[in-house]
Amino acid sequence: MQNEISSEKLEKYFNLTETAFVEVKKNIFEGKEVEAKEIIDMVRNYISDAHHFEDKGDWVNAFAALNYAHGWLDSGVRLKIFDVDDDRLFTIC
């Protein structure tokens, strides 16, 4: 059982979430701009928090903030706010 967040794992999830964040900002369904802005603001805040925690050496909370950020992105995809189809970046079914 792994009970630590490695630097490699943290870097992997920073890359994944930040790449997904760039993708959604380019692919907002027409008419969903208001909803998209709310999600984008939340994701931006959680990614900022993750960087803050990382800088403090608190990798557990950095990882948690990234997971919250990515959860917001996935919810926007599932709610048809973002028009993306990359199943490596998003939970798509």
Protein backbone atom coordinates (compact mmCIF):
# COMPACT_ATOMS: atom_id res chain seq x y z
CA MET A 1 0.00 0.00 0.00
CA GLN A 2 1.32 3.42 -0.95
CA ASN A 3 0.72 6.11 1.62
CA GLU A 4 2.86 8.90 0.19
CA ILE A 5 2.70 11.20 -2.80
CA SER A 6 5.91 11.00 -4.81
CA SER A 7 7.28 13.95 -6.73
CA GLU A 8 6.76 11.95 -9.94
CA LYS A 9 3.10 11.32 -9.13
CA LEU A 10 2.51 14.96 -8.23
CA GLU A 11 4.19 16.12 -11.44
CA LYS A 12 2.12 13.65 -13.48
CA TYR A 13 -1.15 15.00 -12.05
CA PHE A 14 -0.09 18.63 -12.41
CA ASN A 15 0.60 17.93 -16.09
CA LEU A 16 -2.65 16.02 -16.58
CA THR A 17 -4.85 18.62 -14.91
CA GLU A 18 -3.15 21.64 -16.43
CA THR A 19 -3.32 20.07 -19.91
CA ALA A 20 -7.02 19.31 -19.44
CA PHE A 21 -7.58 22.85 -18.18
CA VAL A 22 -6.08 24.34 -21.35
CA GLU A 23 -8.25 22.02 -23.45
CA VAL A 24 -11.57 22.95 -21.84
CA LYS A 25 -10.93 26.68 -22.12
CA LYS A 26 -10.70 26.27 -25.90
CA ASN A 27 -13.82 24.10 -26.19
CA ILE A 28 -16.84 25.66 -24.52
CA PHE A 29 -20.25 24.73 -25.89
CA GLU A 30 -22.08 27.74 -27.31
CA GLY A 31 -24.52 29.12 -24.77
CA LYS A 32 -22.61 27.63 -21.82
CA GLU A 33 -20.14 30.47 -21.29
CA VAL A 34 -21.55 31.52 -17.90
CA GLU A 35 -21.37 27.98 -16.51
CA ALA A 36 -17.92 27.49 -18.05
CA LYS A 37 -16.60 30.65 -16.39
CA GLU A 38 -17.70 29.43 -12.97
CA ILE A 39 -15.97 26.08 -13.47
CA ILE A 40 -12.86 27.68 -14.95
CA ASP A 41 -12.58 30.03 -11.98
CA MET A 42 -12.87 27.14 -9.53
CA VAL A 43 -10.30 25.07 -11.40
CA ARG A 44 -7.91 28.02 -11.58
CA ASN A 45 -8.24 28.49 -7.81
CA TYR A 46 -7.66 24.81 -7.03
CA ILE A 47 -4.61 24.65 -9.31
CA SER A 48 -3.26 27.78 -7.62
CA ASP A 49 -3.85 26.13 -4.24
CA ALA A 50 -2.04 23.01 -5.45
CA HIS A 51 1.00 25.08 -6.44
CA HIS A 52 0.90 26.85 -3.07
CA PHE A 53 0.83 23.54 -1.19
CA GLU A 54 3.58 22.12 -3.39
CA ASP A 55 5.78 25.14 -2.67
CA LYS A 56 5.26 24.55 1.06
CA GLY A 57 6.21 20.87 0.66
CA ASP A 58 2.67 19.76 1.45
CA TRP A 59 2.31 17.27 -1.39
CA VAL A 60 -0.74 15.53 0.07
CA ASN A 61 -2.84 18.70 0.00
CA ALA A 62 -1.36 19.66 -3.40
CA PHE A 63 -2.52 16.30 -4.76
CA ALA A 64 -5.94 16.75 -3.14
CA ALA A 65 -6.35 20.21 -4.69
CA LEU A 66 -5.46 18.79 -8.11
CA ASN A 67 -8.07 16.08 -7.70
CA TYR A 68 -10.72 18.68 -6.84
CA ALA A 69 -9.66 20.74 -9.88
CA HIS A 70 -9.92 17.75 -12.17
CA GLY A 71 -13.26 16.78 -10.69
CA TRP A 72 -14.61 20.20 -11.67
CA LEU A 73 -13.29 19.69 -15.21
CA ASP A 74 -14.86 16.26 -15.50
CA SER A 75 -18.19 17.55 -14.22
CA GLY A 76 -18.15 20.28 -16.87
CA VAL A 77 -17.55 17.65 -19.53
CA ARG A 78 -20.32 15.40 -18.23
CA LEU A 79 -22.75 18.33 -18.03
CA LYS A 80 -21.99 19.23 -21.67
CA ILE A 81 -20.39 22.56 -20.84
CA PHE A 82 -17.09 21.63 -22.48
CA ASP A 83 -16.88 19.93 -25.86
CA VAL A 84 -13.92 17.57 -25.47
CA ASP A 85 -13.38 13.95 -26.38
CA ASP A 86 -9.93 13.01 -25.07
CA ASP A 87 -10.53 10.06 -22.76
CA ARG A 88 -6.93 10.29 -21.53
CA LEU A 89 -7.73 13.66 -19.96
CA PHE A 90 -11.40 13.34 -19.05
CA THR A 91 -13.93 10.83 -17.79
CA ILE A 92 -16.01 10.33 -20.91
CA CYS A 93 -18.60 7.63 -21.41
